[in-house]
Amino acid sequence: MNIEQMKIVLKEIITKTDLTPCVVGHRGVGKTAGIIQVCREIERRYVSLRLGQMEVGDLVGIPYREGEIMHWSRPSWWPLESDPATVVHCDELNRAQQEDTLQAIFQFVEPPLSGIGRGLHTHRLHPKHKVIVTINPPDGTYQVAPLDRALIDRMVMLYVESDYGCWARYARDNCFDGPVQEFLAANQNLLAHDTPPMEMEAKASERGWEMVSTLRTSCRFPDGLEMEVYAGIVGQEAAIAFLRWQKDARQRPLTAAEILDHWPVVDGRAERQREDQHGATISALLAHLKNSPQLATAQEENLVRYLDILPRDLRFALVKSLLTIPPVALALASDKYDSVVLEAIRAISNEAS
């Protein structure tokens, strides 16, 4: 993705989730400038940690004693609950010169997926404060340390590449020297296009799919970016397979479980189903309810919502079949469902008479 796309993705992740994006890109591509611009646009304070210049004490604080208890002082950069919403930018993560510095920051970049707040040793970060990481790729052209798989798996890897269009718009907006802009318009190859590829592909894991689930629930990405974002979590092959499966799933009839247990997620798909697809869904529902006729209240309501969006003839046919299943018929007889079910029952009664 280019810098402008990176900014779109960062805004979604930072404002709607607790995940940690890690921006991977070659020198000078605009990683830090883009993050600062995002912070301004979403009105968040920006704090930069140049990890290549920091020791572990700069992160966890200096130890001191109170009686028999050891404490660690709060680092000066650490944002308090009373501070404005802040983005802590962990720059040069893989340039940390000491192993213990990298081990200390490991905890800080880990997203609080289990309901435990993000922390660093004894310090806890208020949920309104977020973390972004940037690194240069470990491709042999930079003096960086390789990141282990466990650390990569805890972040959303975003790979940013040079793009002349982005640079040209940035140069125009910031009133770069005219001849420089004109020269590069005619010599676009003199931007940073000679850099090697960034081979830091993520691998699928249980944690990774949980992060994908979080993003799908909370964020909306433009077409084309969704695959790149997911690939930075579970790898390109898994991301492509998932999105292909999702596309195919849109063409498949809804299942009984989707209707009864996940209606708020699939209601739009249900309304767009063709009549033959509804036929398959109705058959699946009847087969399921004949084997498991006891419905929870939420399942009853979801079944009635599905009835409500069906074409008139299909609704009559389904209600007629449901009335042959006593526990389901008893549930549908509830007064609160009259607006959807009563008309169908009357039509069935008239048909019988």
Protein backbone atom coordinates (compact mmCIF):
# COMPACT_ATOMS: atom_id res chain seq x y z
CA MET A 1 0.00 0.00 0.00
CA ASN A 2 1.07 3.62 -0.40
CA ILE A 3 1.24 6.27 2.33
CA GLU A 4 -2.26 7.62 1.69
CA GLN A 5 -3.70 4.11 1.97
CA MET A 6 -1.64 3.53 5.11
CA LYS A 7 -3.19 6.61 6.70
CA ILE A 8 -6.72 5.34 5.95
CA VAL A 9 -5.93 1.97 7.53
CA LEU A 10 -4.23 3.52 10.57
CA LYS A 11 -7.22 5.77 11.27
CA GLU A 12 -9.56 2.78 11.26
CA ILE A 13 -7.35 0.64 13.50
CA ILE A 14 -6.41 3.38 15.98
CA THR A 15 -9.88 4.87 16.40
CA LYS A 16 -11.87 1.61 16.42
CA THR A 17 -9.66 -1.13 17.92
CA ASP A 18 -6.91 -1.76 20.46
CA LEU A 19 -4.70 -3.58 17.96
CA THR A 20 -1.10 -2.51 17.29
CA PRO A 21 -0.29 -1.63 13.67
CA CYS A 22 3.34 -2.07 12.61
CA VAL A 23 4.27 -0.03 9.55
CA VAL A 24 7.08 -1.64 7.56
CA GLY A 25 8.80 0.46 4.90
CA HIS A 26 12.09 1.55 3.44
CA ARG A 27 13.87 4.73 4.48
CA GLY A 28 12.33 8.04 3.48
CA VAL A 29 9.03 6.60 2.26
CA GLY A 30 7.08 8.75 4.77
CA LYS A 31 6.16 6.39 7.59
CA THR A 32 6.72 8.84 10.45
CA ALA A 33 5.30 11.84 8.57
CA GLY A 34 2.19 9.86 7.73
CA ILE A 35 1.66 8.82 11.36
CA ILE A 36 2.05 12.42 12.56
CA GLN A 37 -0.49 13.54 9.95
CA VAL A 38 -2.93 10.86 11.13
CA CYS A 39 -2.54 12.04 14.73
CA ARG A 40 -3.35 15.59 13.71
CA GLU A 41 -6.38 14.50 11.68
CA ILE A 42 -7.86 12.42 14.51
CA GLU A 43 -6.79 15.00 17.13
CA ARG A 44 -4.47 12.81 19.16
CA ARG A 45 -1.29 13.80 20.91
CA TYR A 46 1.86 12.29 19.37
CA VAL A 47 4.68 10.81 21.47
CA SER A 48 7.71 9.31 19.75
CA LEU A 49 9.98 6.66 21.27
CA ARG A 50 13.20 6.21 19.30
CA LEU A 51 13.89 2.72 20.56
CA GLY A 52 17.31 2.58 18.93
CA GLN A 53 18.43 5.22 21.45
CA MET A 54 16.73 3.82 24.54
CA GLU A 55 17.72 1.46 27.31
CA VAL A 56 15.39 -0.72 29.32
CA GLY A 57 15.32 1.83 32.18
CA ASP A 58 13.97 4.44 29.76
CA LEU A 59 10.98 2.17 29.22
CA VAL A 60 10.17 0.59 32.57
CA GLY A 61 11.48 3.38 34.81
CA ILE A 62 14.11 3.45 37.55
CA PRO A 63 13.59 1.09 40.53
CA TYR A 64 13.18 2.50 44.03
CA ARG A 65 12.18 1.06 47.41
CA GLU A 66 9.32 1.88 49.73
CA GLY A 67 10.04 -0.09 52.86
CA GLU A 68 10.40 -3.68 51.73
CA ILE A 69 8.60 -3.17 48.41
CA MET A 70 10.35 -2.41 45.11
CA HIS A 71 8.63 0.03 42.71
CA TRP A 72 9.52 1.47 39.31
CA SER A 73 9.18 5.17 38.60
CA ARG A 74 6.93 6.22 35.73
CA PRO A 75 8.90 7.21 32.61
CA SER A 76 8.49 10.86 31.63
CA TRP A 77 6.97 9.95 28.26
CA TRP A 78 4.27 7.68 29.73
CA PRO A 79 0.80 9.23 29.10
CA LEU A 80 -1.45 9.48 32.15
CA GLU A 81 -5.19 8.89 32.27
CA SER A 82 -5.65 12.66 32.63
CA ASP A 83 -3.58 13.40 29.50
CA PRO A 84 -5.23 13.92 26.10
CA ALA A 85 -5.72 10.79 23.98
CA THR A 86 -2.24 9.90 22.78
CA VAL A 87 -0.56 7.78 20.12
CA VAL A 88 2.76 6.37 21.33
CA HIS A 89 4.94 5.79 18.28
CA CYS A 90 7.49 3.02 18.91
CA ASP A 91 9.94 3.95 16.16
CA GLU A 92 12.87 1.75 15.11
CA LEU A 93 11.58 -1.26 17.05
CA ASN A 94 14.09 -3.57 15.40
CA ARG A 95 16.96 -1.12 16.00
CA ALA A 96 16.86 -1.61 19.77
CA GLN A 97 20.53 -2.03 20.64
CA GLN A 98 20.04 -4.21 23.70
CA GLU A 99 18.13 -7.47 23.89
CA ASP A 100 16.49 -6.51 27.19
CA THR A 101 15.10 -3.32 25.58
CA LEU A 102 13.40 -5.38 22.89
CA GLN A 103 12.09 -7.83 25.47
CA ALA A 104 10.70 -4.99 27.58
CA ILE A 105 8.82 -3.38 24.71
CA PHE A 106 7.38 -6.77 23.70
CA GLN A 107 4.70 -6.47 26.38
CA PHE A 108 3.86 -2.89 25.39
CA VAL A 109 3.08 -3.61 21.72
CA GLU A 110 0.93 -6.62 22.56
CA PRO A 111 -2.74 -5.69 22.13
CA PRO A 112 -4.99 -6.21 25.16
CA LEU A 113 -7.10 -8.90 23.50
CA SER A 114 -7.93 -10.71 26.74
CA GLY A 115 -9.44 -7.70 28.47
CA ILE A 116 -6.23 -6.87 30.33
CA GLY A 117 -5.03 -3.32 29.66
CA ARG A 118 -1.88 -2.71 27.68
CA GLY A 119 1.10 -2.49 30.02
CA LEU A 120 4.83 -2.12 30.38
CA HIS A 121 6.22 -3.89 33.43
CA THR A 122 4.27 -2.44 36.39
CA HIS A 123 2.71 0.45 34.43
CA ARG A 124 -0.74 0.23 32.82
CA LEU A 125 -1.79 2.32 29.84
CA HIS A 126 -5.25 3.85 29.81
CA PRO A 127 -7.34 2.36 26.92
CA LYS A 128 -7.73 5.77 25.24
CA HIS A 129 -4.00 5.79 24.47
CA LYS A 130 -2.86 3.73 21.47
CA VAL A 131 0.43 2.35 20.12
CA ILE A 132 1.91 2.32 16.60
CA VAL A 133 5.17 0.63 15.61
CA THR A 134 7.43 1.37 12.64
CA ILE A 135 10.43 -0.58 11.36
CA ASN A 136 12.70 -0.90 8.35
CA PRO A 137 12.56 -4.35 6.75
CA PRO A 138 15.36 -6.76 7.76
CA ASP A 139 16.52 -7.29 4.17
CA GLY A 140 20.24 -6.78 4.67
CA THR A 141 20.29 -3.09 3.74
CA TYR A 142 19.67 -1.83 7.30
CA GLN A 143 21.43 -2.39 10.61
CA VAL A 144 18.43 -3.97 12.29
CA ALA A 145 17.73 -7.02 14.41
CA PRO A 146 15.35 -9.73 13.16
CA LEU A 147 12.02 -9.85 14.98
CA ASP A 148 10.88 -13.22 16.25
CA ARG A 149 7.63 -14.78 15.10
CA ALA A 150 5.88 -14.32 18.46
CA LEU A 151 6.39 -10.54 18.27
CA ILE A 152 5.29 -10.25 14.64
CA ASP A 153 2.16 -12.27 15.43
CA ARG A 154 1.08 -9.65 17.97
CA MET A 155 0.93 -6.80 15.44
CA VAL A 156 -0.92 -5.89 12.25
CA MET A 157 1.89 -5.66 9.69
CA LEU A 158 1.32 -2.91 7.09
CA TYR A 159 3.79 -2.85 4.20
CA VAL A 160 4.25 0.62 2.70
CA GLU A 161 5.93 1.30 -0.61
CA SER A 162 7.02 4.39 -2.51
CA ASP A 163 4.40 5.96 -4.77
CA TYR A 164 5.03 8.96 -7.00
CA GLY A 165 1.41 10.15 -6.91
CA CYS A 166 1.46 10.34 -3.11
CA TRP A 167 4.79 12.14 -3.12
CA ALA A 168 3.63 14.63 -5.77
CA ARG A 169 0.51 15.53 -3.78
CA TYR A 170 2.56 15.88 -0.59
CA ALA A 171 5.13 18.06 -2.40
CA ARG A 172 2.41 20.30 -3.82
CA ASP A 173 0.58 20.67 -0.51
CA ASN A 174 3.82 21.55 1.27
CA CYS A 175 5.06 23.97 -1.41
CA PHE A 176 8.21 22.07 -2.38
CA ASP A 177 10.60 23.83 -4.74
CA GLY A 178 9.01 24.06 -8.20
CA PRO A 179 11.98 22.77 -10.22
CA VAL A 180 12.31 19.78 -7.86
CA GLN A 181 8.66 18.87 -8.44
CA GLU A 182 8.99 19.32 -12.19
CA PHE A 183 12.20 17.29 -12.37
CA LEU A 184 10.73 14.34 -10.48
CA ALA A 185 7.54 14.46 -12.54
CA ALA A 186 9.76 13.69 -15.53
CA ASN A 187 12.13 11.35 -13.64
CA GLN A 188 9.91 9.31 -11.33
CA ASN A 189 12.48 6.50 -11.29
CA LEU A 190 14.67 8.72 -9.09
CA LEU A 191 12.37 8.26 -6.14
CA ALA A 192 13.06 5.26 -3.88
CA HIS A 193 12.04 2.58 -6.39
CA ASP A 194 15.28 0.62 -6.31
CA THR A 195 14.64 -0.87 -2.91
CA PRO A 196 14.42 -4.65 -2.43
CA PRO A 197 11.09 -6.28 -1.54
CA MET A 198 9.96 -6.53 2.07
CA GLU A 199 9.87 -10.21 2.93
CA MET A 200 8.38 -10.36 6.42
CA GLU A 201 5.25 -12.30 5.67
CA ALA A 202 3.04 -13.07 8.63
CA LYS A 203 1.81 -16.60 9.29
CA ALA A 204 -1.67 -17.78 10.26
CA SER A 205 -2.27 -18.40 13.96
CA GLU A 206 -5.17 -18.49 16.41
CA ARG A 207 -4.19 -15.02 17.68
CA GLY A 208 -4.01 -13.75 14.11
CA TRP A 209 -7.52 -14.90 13.25
CA GLU A 210 -8.80 -13.26 16.43
CA MET A 211 -7.23 -10.01 15.23
CA VAL A 212 -8.83 -10.44 11.79
CA SER A 213 -12.17 -10.98 13.53
CA THR A 214 -11.68 -7.77 15.53
CA LEU A 215 -10.91 -5.78 12.38
CA ARG A 216 -13.88 -7.21 10.48
CA THR A 217 -16.21 -6.38 13.36
CA SER A 218 -14.94 -2.86 14.00
CA CYS A 219 -13.32 -1.46 10.84
CA ARG A 220 -14.21 -0.77 7.22
CA PHE A 221 -11.42 -0.69 4.63
CA PRO A 222 -11.67 0.45 0.99
CA ASP A 223 -11.74 -2.21 -1.72
CA GLY A 224 -8.29 -3.62 -2.34
CA LEU A 225 -6.92 -2.75 1.10
CA GLU A 226 -8.79 -5.44 3.02
CA MET A 227 -6.63 -8.22 1.59
CA GLU A 228 -3.41 -6.32 2.31
CA VAL A 229 -4.40 -5.71 5.93
CA TYR A 230 -5.39 -9.32 6.57
CA ALA A 231 -2.26 -10.57 4.80
CA GLY A 232 -0.24 -8.58 7.33
CA ILE A 233 -1.78 -10.72 10.08
CA VAL A 234 -2.28 -14.25 8.74
CA GLY A 235 -0.16 -14.17 5.58
CA GLN A 236 -1.07 -13.60 1.97
CA GLU A 237 -2.10 -17.16 1.15
CA ALA A 238 -4.49 -17.40 4.10
CA ALA A 239 -5.90 -13.91 3.45
CA ILE A 240 -6.61 -14.69 -0.21
CA ALA A 241 -8.21 -18.02 0.71
CA PHE A 242 -10.42 -16.36 3.34
CA LEU A 243 -11.62 -13.54 1.07
CA ARG A 244 -12.27 -16.02 -1.75
CA TRP A 245 -14.27 -18.19 0.66
CA GLN A 246 -16.19 -15.12 1.83
CA LYS A 247 -17.03 -14.16 -1.76
CA ASP A 248 -18.20 -17.69 -2.49
CA ALA A 249 -20.20 -17.71 0.74
CA ARG A 250 -22.21 -14.73 -0.46
CA GLN A 251 -23.44 -16.90 -3.31
CA ARG A 252 -24.38 -19.83 -1.04
CA PRO A 253 -27.83 -20.06 0.55
CA LEU A 254 -27.90 -19.14 4.22
CA THR A 255 -27.80 -22.01 6.68
CA ALA A 256 -30.21 -22.68 9.53
CA ALA A 257 -27.54 -21.72 12.06
CA GLU A 258 -26.94 -18.40 10.32
CA ILE A 259 -30.66 -17.56 10.38
CA LEU A 260 -31.28 -18.64 13.98
CA ASP A 261 -28.01 -17.62 15.65
CA HIS A 262 -26.45 -14.86 13.55
CA TRP A 263 -29.35 -12.90 12.05
CA PRO A 264 -27.89 -9.40 12.70
CA VAL A 265 -24.84 -10.43 10.66
CA VAL A 266 -26.68 -12.03 7.71
CA ASP A 267 -29.91 -10.01 7.46
CA GLY A 268 -28.63 -8.09 4.45
CA ARG A 269 -27.65 -11.30 2.66
CA ALA A 270 -31.06 -12.78 3.44
CA GLU A 271 -32.88 -9.88 1.81
CA ARG A 272 -30.73 -10.23 -1.32
CA GLN A 273 -31.23 -13.99 -1.71
CA ARG A 274 -32.91 -15.28 -4.86
CA GLU A 275 -36.05 -17.40 -4.56
CA ASP A 276 -34.12 -20.62 -5.22
CA GLN A 277 -31.65 -19.70 -2.48
CA HIS A 278 -34.53 -19.06 -0.08
CA GLY A 279 -35.83 -22.50 -1.00
CA ALA A 280 -32.56 -24.10 0.08
CA THR A 281 -32.50 -22.03 3.30
CA ILE A 282 -36.10 -23.00 4.12
CA SER A 283 -35.30 -26.69 3.60
CA ALA A 284 -32.30 -26.38 5.92
CA LEU A 285 -34.39 -24.61 8.56
CA LEU A 286 -37.12 -27.24 8.52
CA ALA A 287 -34.62 -30.10 8.73
CA HIS A 288 -32.89 -28.41 11.65
CA LEU A 289 -36.10 -27.60 13.54
CA LYS A 290 -37.52 -31.09 13.15
CA ASN A 291 -34.42 -32.43 14.91
CA SER A 292 -34.05 -29.56 17.42
CA PRO A 293 -37.45 -27.89 17.83
CA GLN A 294 -36.74 -26.10 21.11
CA LEU A 295 -35.83 -22.47 20.39
CA ALA A 296 -34.27 -19.88 22.64
CA THR A 297 -36.03 -16.51 22.72
CA ALA A 298 -33.40 -14.92 20.49
CA GLN A 299 -33.73 -17.77 17.98
CA GLU A 300 -37.52 -17.36 17.91
CA GLU A 301 -37.12 -13.68 17.17
CA ASN A 302 -34.55 -14.34 14.46
CA LEU A 303 -36.82 -16.91 12.82
CA VAL A 304 -39.69 -14.41 12.74
CA ARG A 305 -37.40 -11.72 11.32
CA TYR A 306 -36.52 -14.12 8.52
CA LEU A 307 -40.21 -14.81 7.91
CA ASP A 308 -40.79 -11.07 7.70
CA ILE A 309 -38.39 -10.55 4.77
CA LEU A 310 -39.64 -13.53 2.74
CA PRO A 311 -41.85 -13.02 -0.31
CA ARG A 312 -45.53 -13.61 0.54
CA ASP A 313 -45.87 -17.09 -1.02
CA LEU A 314 -42.66 -18.38 0.55
CA ARG A 315 -43.69 -17.00 3.93
CA PHE A 316 -47.01 -18.85 3.77
CA ALA A 317 -45.27 -22.06 2.75
CA LEU A 318 -42.72 -21.86 5.56
CA VAL A 319 -45.26 -20.98 8.26
CA LYS A 320 -47.45 -23.88 7.09
CA SER A 321 -44.51 -26.28 7.52
CA LEU A 322 -43.47 -24.78 10.86
CA LEU A 323 -46.96 -25.28 12.28
CA THR A 324 -46.46 -29.04 11.93
CA ILE A 325 -43.65 -28.86 14.52
CA PRO A 326 -45.51 -28.45 17.87
CA PRO A 327 -42.83 -26.57 19.92
CA VAL A 328 -42.22 -24.18 17.02
CA ALA A 329 -45.95 -23.73 16.42
CA LEU A 330 -46.41 -22.86 20.09
CA ALA A 331 -43.66 -20.24 19.87
CA LEU A 332 -45.10 -18.67 16.72
CA ALA A 333 -48.54 -18.42 18.40
CA SER A 334 -47.21 -15.70 20.71
CA ASP A 335 -49.11 -12.41 20.38
CA LYS A 336 -45.89 -10.46 19.81
CA TYR A 337 -45.41 -12.19 16.46
CA ASP A 338 -48.91 -11.50 15.14
CA SER A 339 -47.83 -8.79 12.71
CA VAL A 340 -45.67 -11.27 10.82
CA VAL A 341 -47.26 -14.67 11.42
CA LEU A 342 -51.02 -14.03 11.78
CA GLU A 343 -51.62 -13.16 8.14
CA ALA A 344 -49.93 -16.40 7.06
CA ILE A 345 -51.98 -18.44 9.54
CA ARG A 346 -55.22 -16.88 8.31
CA ALA A 347 -54.30 -17.69 4.72
CA ILE A 348 -53.57 -21.27 5.71
CA SER A 349 -56.92 -21.50 7.53
CA ASN A 350 -58.77 -20.17 4.50
CA GLU A 351 -56.96 -22.66 2.30
CA ALA A 352 -58.01 -25.50 4.60
CA SER A 353 -61.66 -24.40 4.63
